[in-house]
Amino acid sequence: MKQAGASCADLAEWLRVMHRCKVNRSSIDRYLKKLPEMTELQTIATEPQPNLFEKNR
């Protein structure tokens, strides 16, 4: 859900409604930062690769 654009507050609300599990938004944020899938996405987003045109200059 986070990769699809949901916020941590959205995830906390979904857990509360669908699974009766009360979790703080900051706890979800800390957990997601530890996941390797999320760190890979952040690395890709913060370090754009040069396009083919720029490489050939």
Protein backbone atom coordinates (compact mmCIF):
# COMPACT_ATOMS: atom_id res chain seq x y z
CA MET A 1 0.00 0.00 0.00
CA LYS A 2 2.85 2.38 0.77
CA GLN A 3 4.42 1.73 -2.64
CA ALA A 4 1.04 2.54 -4.20
CA GLY A 5 1.06 5.96 -2.50
CA ALA A 6 -0.71 5.43 0.84
CA SER A 7 0.53 7.49 3.77
CA CYS A 8 1.49 6.04 7.14
CA ALA A 9 -1.73 7.50 8.56
CA ASP A 10 -3.70 5.69 5.84
CA LEU A 11 -1.97 2.44 6.78
CA ALA A 12 -2.71 2.97 10.48
CA GLU A 13 -6.39 3.63 9.70
CA TRP A 14 -6.58 0.53 7.47
CA LEU A 15 -5.08 -1.65 10.21
CA ARG A 16 -7.51 -0.24 12.76
CA VAL A 17 -10.61 -0.75 10.60
CA MET A 18 -9.78 -4.01 8.83
CA HIS A 19 -7.78 -5.82 11.52
CA ARG A 20 -8.79 -4.11 14.78
CA CYS A 21 -5.14 -3.33 15.41
CA LYS A 22 -4.32 0.09 16.86
CA VAL A 23 -0.85 1.19 15.73
CA ASN A 24 0.64 4.65 15.83
CA ARG A 25 1.59 6.29 12.52
CA SER A 26 5.16 6.83 13.67
CA SER A 27 5.52 3.11 14.47
CA ILE A 28 4.50 2.25 10.93
CA ASP A 29 6.96 4.82 9.57
CA ARG A 30 9.84 3.38 11.63
CA TYR A 31 8.96 -0.17 10.56
CA LEU A 32 8.80 0.72 6.87
CA LYS A 33 12.18 2.49 7.00
CA LYS A 34 13.77 -0.81 8.11
CA LEU A 35 12.39 -2.83 5.18
CA PRO A 36 14.91 -3.49 2.39
CA GLU A 37 12.20 -2.95 -0.26
CA MET A 38 11.52 0.56 1.01
CA THR A 39 15.19 1.53 1.25
CA GLU A 40 15.71 0.41 -2.37
CA LEU A 41 12.82 2.61 -3.48
CA GLN A 42 14.21 5.61 -1.60
CA THR A 43 17.65 5.08 -3.16
CA ILE A 44 16.18 4.96 -6.64
CA ALA A 45 14.09 8.05 -5.99
CA THR A 46 16.98 10.10 -4.59
CA GLU A 47 19.69 9.04 -7.06
CA PRO A 48 18.39 9.43 -10.60
CA GLN A 49 20.41 7.68 -13.28
CA PRO A 50 21.65 9.78 -16.21
CA ASN A 51 19.70 9.12 -19.37
CA LEU A 52 21.24 7.69 -22.54
CA PHE A 53 21.67 11.11 -24.14
CA GLU A 54 23.71 12.45 -21.19
CA LYS A 55 25.93 9.33 -21.10
CA ASN A 56 27.01 9.75 -24.74
CA ARG A 57 28.27 13.33 -24.33
